[in-house]
PDB file of N, CA and C in Angstrom:
ATOM      1  N   ILE A   1     110.384  99.482 102.260  1.00  0.00           N
ATOM      2  CA  ILE A   1     109.254 100.255 101.792  1.00  0.00           C
ATOM      3  C   ILE A   1     109.761 101.662 101.530  1.00  0.00           C
ATOM      4  N   ALA A   2     109.442 102.198 100.366  1.00  0.00           N
ATOM      5  CA  ALA A   2     109.884 103.548 100.029  1.00  0.00           C
ATOM      6  C   ALA A   2     108.731 104.335  99.439  1.00  0.00           C
ATOM      7  N   VAL A   3     108.745 105.638  99.678  1.00  0.00           N
ATOM      8  CA  VAL A   3     107.726 106.537  99.149  1.00  0.00           C
ATOM      9  C   VAL A   3     108.433 107.769  98.625  1.00  0.00           C
ATOM     10  N   GLU A   4     107.980 108.269  97.484  1.00  0.00           N
ATOM     11  CA  GLU A   4     108.554 109.505  96.964  1.00  0.00           C
ATOM     12  C   GLU A   4     107.460 110.331  96.308  1.00  0.00           C
ATOM     13  N   ASN A   5     107.697 111.635  96.224  1.00  0.00           N
ATOM     14  CA  ASN A   5     106.742 112.542  95.588  1.00  0.00           C
ATOM     15  C   ASN A   5     106.752 112.350  94.083  1.00  0.00           C
ATOM     16  N   GLU A   6     105.604 112.645  93.442  1.00  0.00           N
ATOM     17  CA  GLU A   6     105.560 112.642  91.983  1.00  0.00           C
ATOM     18  C   GLU A   6     106.403 113.785  91.439  1.00  0.00           C
ATOM     19  N   GLU A   7     106.390 114.917  92.115  1.00  0.00           N
ATOM     20  CA  GLU A   7     107.167 116.087  91.718  1.00  0.00           C
ATOM     21  C   GLU A   7     108.312 116.276  92.716  1.00  0.00           C
ATOM     22  N   PRO A   8     109.465 116.785  92.258  1.00  0.00           N
ATOM     23  CA  PRO A   8     110.583 117.026  93.184  1.00  0.00           C
ATOM     24  C   PRO A   8     110.209 118.043  94.263  1.00  0.00           C
ATOM     25  N   LEU A   9     110.805 117.902  95.447  1.00  0.00           N
ATOM     26  CA  LEU A   9     110.576 118.853  96.529  1.00  0.00           C
ATOM     27  C   LEU A   9     111.223 120.195  96.206  1.00  0.00           C
ATOM     28  N   PHE A  10     110.618 121.291  96.687  1.00  0.00           N
ATOM     29  CA  PHE A  10     111.188 122.617  96.512  1.00  0.00           C
ATOM     30  C   PHE A  10     110.722 123.489  97.668  1.00  0.00           C
ATOM     31  N   ARG A  11     111.382 124.644  97.813  1.00  0.00           N
ATOM     32  CA  ARG A  11     111.041 125.577  98.886  1.00  0.00           C
ATOM     33  C   ARG A  11     110.203 126.720  98.335  1.00  0.00           C
ATOM     34  N   CYS A  12     109.276 127.220  99.141  1.00  0.00           N
ATOM     35  CA  CYS A  12     108.488 128.399  98.790  1.00  0.00           C
ATOM     36  C   CYS A  12     108.708 129.462  99.854  1.00  0.00           C
ATOM     37  N   VAL A  13     108.861 130.722  99.409  1.00  0.00           N
ATOM     38  CA  VAL A  13     108.931 131.865 100.305  1.00  0.00           C
ATOM     39  C   VAL A  13     107.940 132.888  99.767  1.00  0.00           C
ATOM     40  N   ASP A  14     107.003 133.302 100.593  1.00  0.00           N
ATOM     41  CA  ASP A  14     105.956 134.245 100.187  1.00  0.00           C
ATOM     42  C   ASP A  14     105.205 133.751  98.955  1.00  0.00           C
ATOM     43  N   GLY A  15     104.967 132.463  98.880  1.00  0.00           N
ATOM     44  CA  GLY A  15     104.185 131.892  97.788  1.00  0.00           C
ATOM     45  C   GLY A  15     104.932 131.711  96.482  1.00  0.00           C
ATOM     46  N   LYS A  16     106.250 131.926  96.478  1.00  0.00           N
ATOM     47  CA  LYS A  16     107.042 131.783  95.252  1.00  0.00           C
ATOM     48  C   LYS A  16     108.184 130.792  95.495  1.00  0.00           C
ATOM     49  N   VAL A  17     108.558 130.084  94.432  1.00  0.00           N
ATOM     50  CA  VAL A  17     109.664 129.131  94.533  1.00  0.00           C
ATOM     51  C   VAL A  17     110.940 129.887  94.880  1.00  0.00           C
ATOM     52  N   ALA A  18     111.670 129.411  95.887  1.00  0.00           N
ATOM     53  CA  ALA A  18     112.889 130.068  96.353  1.00  0.00           C
ATOM     54  C   ALA A  18     114.097 129.201  96.023  1.00  0.00           C
ATOM     55  N   ALA A  19     115.196 129.858  95.694  1.00  0.00           N
ATOM     56  CA  ALA A  19     116.446 129.154  95.428  1.00  0.00           C
ATOM     57  C   ALA A  19     117.025 128.663  96.753  1.00  0.00           C
ATOM     58  N   GLY A  20     117.876 127.678  96.669  1.00  0.00           N
ATOM     59  CA  GLY A  20     118.515 127.173  97.869  1.00  0.00           C
ATOM     60  C   GLY A  20     118.426 125.667  97.924  1.00  0.00           C
ATOM     61  N   PRO A  21     118.899 125.093  99.016  1.00  0.00           N
ATOM     62  CA  PRO A  21     118.881 123.626  99.120  1.00  0.00           C
ATOM     63  C   PRO A  21     117.455 123.090  99.196  1.00  0.00           C
ATOM     64  N   THR A  22     117.277 121.903  98.641  1.00  0.00           N
ATOM     65  CA  THR A  22     115.959 121.271  98.716  1.00  0.00           C
ATOM     66  C   THR A  22     115.737 120.754 100.134  1.00  0.00           C
ATOM     67  N   PRO A  23     114.491 120.706 100.583  1.00  0.00           N
ATOM     68  CA  PRO A  23     114.211 120.208 101.938  1.00  0.00           C
ATOM     69  C   PRO A  23     114.643 118.751 102.097  1.00  0.00           C
ATOM     70  N   LYS A  24     115.045 118.417 103.312  1.00  0.00           N
ATOM     71  CA  LYS A  24     115.403 117.029 103.601  1.00  0.00           C
ATOM     72  C   LYS A  24     114.133 116.175 103.613  1.00  0.00           C
ATOM     73  N   PRO A  25     114.222 114.952 103.115  1.00  0.00           N
ATOM     74  CA  PRO A  25     113.033 114.082 103.162  1.00  0.00           C
ATOM     75  C   PRO A  25     112.731 113.660 104.600  1.00  0.00           C
ATOM     76  N   ASN A  26     111.464 113.411 104.870  1.00  0.00           N
ATOM     77  CA  ASN A  26     111.037 112.919 106.179  1.00  0.00           C
ATOM     78  C   ASN A  26     111.099 111.397 106.194  1.00  0.00           C
ATOM     79  N   THR A  27     111.121 110.840 107.385  1.00  0.00           N
ATOM     80  CA  THR A  27     111.100 109.388 107.527  1.00  0.00           C
ATOM     81  C   THR A  27     109.927 108.993 108.422  1.00  0.00           C
ATOM     82  N   ALA A  28     109.532 107.760 108.301  1.00  0.00           N
ATOM     83  CA  ALA A  28     108.456 107.226 109.145  1.00  0.00           C
ATOM     84  C   ALA A  28     108.798 105.785 109.484  1.00  0.00           C
ATOM     85  N   LYS A  29     108.452 105.377 110.676  1.00  0.00           N
ATOM     86  CA  LYS A  29     108.666 103.986 111.075  1.00  0.00           C
ATOM     87  C   LYS A  29     107.477 103.150 110.630  1.00  0.00           C
ATOM     88  N   VAL A  30     107.766 101.980 110.099  1.00  0.00           N
ATOM     89  CA  VAL A  30     106.732 101.050 109.658  1.00  0.00           C
ATOM     90  C   VAL A  30     106.983  99.721 110.353  1.00  0.00           C
ATOM     91  N   ALA A  31     105.953  99.176 110.993  1.00  0.00           N
ATOM     92  CA  ALA A  31     106.083  97.892 111.667  1.00  0.00           C
ATOM     93  C   ALA A  31     105.424  96.815 110.814  1.00  0.00           C
ATOM     94  N   VAL A  32     106.144  95.745 110.560  1.00  0.00           N
ATOM     95  CA  VAL A  32     105.614  94.604 109.821  1.00  0.00           C
ATOM     96  C   VAL A  32     105.677  93.408 110.750  1.00  0.00           C
ATOM     97  N   LYS A  33     104.525  92.788 110.999  1.00  0.00           N
ATOM     98  CA  LYS A  33     104.464  91.647 111.898  1.00  0.00           C
ATOM     99  C   LYS A  33     104.274  90.384 111.066  1.00  0.00           C
ATOM    100  N   VAL A  34     105.247  89.477 111.136  1.00  0.00           N
ATOM    101  CA  VAL A  34     105.177  88.211 110.413  1.00  0.00           C
ATOM    102  C   VAL A  34     104.859  87.117 111.425  1.00  0.00           C
ATOM    103  N   ILE A  35     103.732  86.457 111.224  1.00  0.00           N
ATOM    104  CA  ILE A  35     103.309  85.419 112.158  1.00  0.00           C
ATOM    105  C   ILE A  35     103.804  84.052 111.704  1.00  0.00           C
ATOM    106  N   ASP A  36     103.702  83.764 110.416  1.00  0.00           N
ATOM    107  CA  ASP A  36     104.069  82.458 109.872  1.00  0.00           C
ATOM    108  C   ASP A  36     105.522  82.517 109.392  1.00  0.00           C
ATOM    109  N   VAL A  37     106.460  82.170 110.257  1.00  0.00           N
ATOM    110  CA  VAL A  37     107.868  82.333 109.916  1.00  0.00           C
ATOM    111  C   VAL A  37     108.494  81.120 109.239  1.00  0.00           C
ATOM    112  N   ASN A  38     107.813  79.980 109.213  1.00  0.00           N
ATOM    113  CA  ASN A  38     108.451  78.798 108.633  1.00  0.00           C
ATOM    114  C   ASN A  38     108.500  78.854 107.111  1.00  0.00           C
ATOM    115  N   ASP A  39     107.499  79.431 106.467  1.00  0.00           N
ATOM    116  CA  ASP A  39     107.483  79.551 105.015  1.00  0.00           C
ATOM    117  C   ASP A  39     106.716  80.824 104.682  1.00  0.00           C
ATOM    118  N   PRO A  40     107.408  81.931 104.431  1.00  0.00           N
ATOM    119  CA  PRO A  40     106.738  83.227 104.298  1.00  0.00           C
ATOM    120  C   PRO A  40     105.828  83.298 103.084  1.00  0.00           C
ATOM    121  N   PRO A  41     104.853  84.200 103.112  1.00  0.00           N
ATOM    122  CA  PRO A  41     103.987  84.404 101.957  1.00  0.00           C
ATOM    123  C   PRO A  41     104.782  84.925 100.768  1.00  0.00           C
ATOM    124  N   VAL A  42     104.264  84.672  99.576  1.00  0.00           N
ATOM    125  CA  VAL A  42     104.907  85.126  98.345  1.00  0.00           C
ATOM    126  C   VAL A  42     104.018  86.198  97.730  1.00  0.00           C
ATOM    127  N   PHE A  43     104.595  87.366  97.485  1.00  0.00           N
ATOM    128  CA  PHE A  43     103.872  88.446  96.833  1.00  0.00           C
ATOM    129  C   PHE A  43     103.902  88.205  95.335  1.00  0.00           C
ATOM    130  N   LYS A  44     102.739  88.291  94.660  1.00  0.00           N
ATOM    131  CA  LYS A  44     102.694  88.032  93.228  1.00  0.00           C
ATOM    132  C   LYS A  44     103.377  89.130  92.432  1.00  0.00           C
ATOM    133  N   LYS A  45     103.404  90.370  92.961  1.00  0.00           N
ATOM    134  CA  LYS A  45     104.128  91.467  92.310  1.00  0.00           C
ATOM    135  C   LYS A  45     105.249  91.903  93.243  1.00  0.00           C
ATOM    136  N   GLY A  46     106.445  92.094  92.699  1.00  0.00           N
ATOM    137  CA  GLY A  46     107.567  92.537  93.520  1.00  0.00           C
ATOM    138  C   GLY A  46     107.467  94.002  93.902  1.00  0.00           C
ATOM    139  N   VAL A  47     106.871  94.815  93.015  1.00  0.00           N
ATOM    140  CA  VAL A  47     106.734  96.255  93.257  1.00  0.00           C
ATOM    141  C   VAL A  47     105.309  96.667  92.921  1.00  0.00           C
ATOM    142  N   GLU A  48     104.716  97.451  93.797  1.00  0.00           N
ATOM    143  CA  GLU A  48     103.380  98.010  93.563  1.00  0.00           C
ATOM    144  C   GLU A  48     103.509  99.525  93.588  1.00  0.00           C
ATOM    145  N   LYS A  49     103.013 100.223  92.576  1.00  0.00           N
ATOM    146  CA  LYS A  49     102.987 101.680  92.578  1.00  0.00           C
ATOM    147  C   LYS A  49     101.592 102.125  92.996  1.00  0.00           C
ATOM    148  N   ILE A  50     101.545 102.974  94.024  1.00  0.00           N
ATOM    149  CA  ILE A  50     100.285 103.458  94.566  1.00  0.00           C
ATOM    150  C   ILE A  50     100.339 104.977  94.568  1.00  0.00           C
ATOM    151  N   TYR A  51      99.337 105.602  93.988  1.00  0.00           N
ATOM    152  CA  TYR A  51      99.260 107.059  93.963  1.00  0.00           C
ATOM    153  C   TYR A  51      98.151 107.496  94.901  1.00  0.00           C
ATOM    154  N   ARG A  52      98.453 108.444  95.774  1.00  0.00           N
ATOM    155  CA  ARG A  52      97.496 108.880  96.791  1.00  0.00           C
ATOM    156  C   ARG A  52      97.658 110.369  97.031  1.00  0.00           C
ATOM    157  N   ASN A  53      96.552 111.090  97.147  1.00  0.00           N
ATOM    158  CA  ASN A  53      96.578 112.500  97.492  1.00  0.00           C
ATOM    159  C   ASN A  53      97.132 112.647  98.901  1.00  0.00           C
ATOM    160  N   GLU A  54      98.028 113.604  99.104  1.00  0.00           N
ATOM    161  CA  GLU A  54      98.666 113.752 100.413  1.00  0.00           C
ATOM    162  C   GLU A  54      97.708 114.211 101.498  1.00  0.00           C
ATOM    163  N   ASN A  55      96.504 114.650 101.136  1.00  0.00           N
ATOM    164  CA  ASN A  55      95.538 115.108 102.126  1.00  0.00           C
ATOM    165  C   ASN A  55      94.593 113.997 102.568  1.00  0.00           C
ATOM    166  N   GLY A  56      94.931 112.758 102.299  1.00  0.00           N
ATOM    167  CA  GLY A  56      94.085 111.631 102.694  1.00  0.00           C
ATOM    168  C   GLY A  56      94.042 111.460 104.196  1.00  0.00           C
ATOM    169  N   ASN A  57      93.064 110.708 104.645  1.00  0.00           N
ATOM    170  CA  ASN A  57      92.904 110.462 106.078  1.00  0.00           C
ATOM    171  C   ASN A  57      93.928 109.454 106.587  1.00  0.00           C
ATOM    172  N   PRO A  58      94.516 109.693 107.775  1.00  0.00           N
ATOM    173  CA  PRO A  58      95.417 108.705 108.364  1.00  0.00           C
ATOM    174  C   PRO A  58      94.671 107.403 108.617  1.00  0.00           C
ATOM    175  N   GLY A  59      95.324 106.293 108.388  1.00  0.00           N
ATOM    176  CA  GLY A  59      94.731 104.995 108.658  1.00  0.00           C
ATOM    177  C   GLY A  59      94.003 104.379 107.477  1.00  0.00           C
ATOM    178  N   ASP A  60      93.883 105.102 106.352  1.00  0.00           N
ATOM    179  CA  ASP A  60      93.244 104.530 105.163  1.00  0.00           C
ATOM    180  C   ASP A  60      94.078 103.377 104.623  1.00  0.00           C
ATOM    181  N   VAL A  61      93.428 102.336 104.149  1.00  0.00           N
ATOM    182  CA  VAL A  61      94.129 101.207 103.533  1.00  0.00           C
ATOM    183  C   VAL A  61      94.577 101.633 102.141  1.00  0.00           C
ATOM    184  N   LEU A  62      95.871 101.553 101.874  1.00  0.00           N
ATOM    185  CA  LEU A  62      96.405 101.954 100.577  1.00  0.00           C
ATOM    186  C   LEU A  62      96.513 100.788  99.613  1.00  0.00           C
ATOM    187  N   LEU A  63      96.692  99.578 100.120  1.00  0.00           N
ATOM    188  CA  LEU A  63      96.877  98.428  99.243  1.00  0.00           C
ATOM    189  C   LEU A  63      96.575  97.147 100.002  1.00  0.00           C
ATOM    190  N   ILE A  64      95.886  96.239  99.356  1.00  0.00           N
ATOM    191  CA  ILE A  64      95.755  94.869  99.845  1.00  0.00           C
ATOM    192  C   ILE A  64      96.473  94.020  98.799  1.00  0.00           C
ATOM    193  N   PRO A  65      97.703  93.585  99.095  1.00  0.00           N
ATOM    194  CA  PRO A  65      98.499  92.897  98.081  1.00  0.00           C
ATOM    195  C   PRO A  65      97.951  91.521  97.730  1.00  0.00           C
ATOM    196  N   ASP A  66      98.252  91.093  96.528  1.00  0.00           N
ATOM    197  CA  ASP A  66      97.876  89.761  96.058  1.00  0.00           C
ATOM    198  C   ASP A  66      99.018  88.818  96.445  1.00  0.00           C
ATOM    199  N   ILE A  67      98.772  87.946  97.418  1.00  0.00           N
ATOM    200  CA  ILE A  67      99.814  87.060  97.936  1.00  0.00           C
ATOM    201  C   ILE A  67      99.302  85.633  98.013  1.00  0.00           C
ATOM    202  N   ARG A  68     100.229  84.715  98.176  1.00  0.00           N
ATOM    203  CA  ARG A  68      99.852  83.321  98.425  1.00  0.00           C
ATOM    204  C   ARG A  68     100.828  82.732  99.434  1.00  0.00           C
ATOM    205  N   ASP A  69     100.322  81.784 100.190  1.00  0.00           N
ATOM    206  CA  ASP A  69     101.143  81.115 101.191  1.00  0.00           C
ATOM    207  C   ASP A  69     100.737  79.644 101.152  1.00  0.00           C
ATOM    208  N   GLU A  70     101.648  78.801 100.750  1.00  0.00           N
ATOM    209  CA  GLU A  70     101.359  77.381 100.533  1.00  0.00           C
ATOM    210  C   GLU A  70     100.883  76.650 101.778  1.00  0.00           C
ATOM    211  N   ASP A  71     101.355  77.071 102.957  1.00  0.00           N
ATOM    212  CA  ASP A  71     101.018  76.311 104.152  1.00  0.00           C
ATOM    213  C   ASP A  71     100.054  77.027 105.105  1.00  0.00           C
ATOM    214  N   SER A  72      99.316  78.009 104.599  1.00  0.00           N
ATOM    215  CA  SER A  72      98.364  78.734 105.460  1.00  0.00           C
ATOM    216  C   SER A  72      97.033  78.907 104.747  1.00  0.00           C
ATOM    217  N   ASP A  73      96.030  79.211 105.536  1.00  0.00           N
ATOM    218  CA  ASP A  73      94.715  79.543 104.993  1.00  0.00           C
ATOM    219  C   ASP A  73      94.789  80.968 104.441  1.00  0.00           C
ATOM    220  N   VAL A  74      94.635  81.133 103.137  1.00  0.00           N
ATOM    221  CA  VAL A  74      94.797  82.449 102.517  1.00  0.00           C
ATOM    222  C   VAL A  74      93.756  83.462 103.007  1.00  0.00           C
ATOM    223  N   ASN A  75      92.658  83.022 103.547  1.00  0.00           N
ATOM    224  CA  ASN A  75      91.653  83.945 104.074  1.00  0.00           C
ATOM    225  C   ASN A  75      92.101  84.613 105.368  1.00  0.00           C
ATOM    226  N   LYS A  76      93.151  84.102 106.000  1.00  0.00           N
ATOM    227  CA  LYS A  76      93.648  84.690 107.240  1.00  0.00           C
ATOM    228  C   LYS A  76      94.879  85.556 107.027  1.00  0.00           C
ATOM    229  N   LEU A  77      95.316  85.733 105.792  1.00  0.00           N
ATOM    230  CA  LEU A  77      96.491  86.567 105.516  1.00  0.00           C
ATOM    231  C   LEU A  77      96.095  88.024 105.413  1.00  0.00           C
TER     232      LEU A  77
END
């Protein structure tokens, strides 16, 4: 899983763009729990682009992917 800004990162000093190295990107841990390990679900799209304002509330659902799993009830995925 990867996330990047629409615009490149830059530094500001006193409200103005400052020269120098760009800030290091932050990282976050993401936990994915797979229950059905014998035949994993198949995502219909390999890549999903999601645009979100950075001031959104923590815990908001960003995407419910379109998936299928041949050996499971799709309503429980």
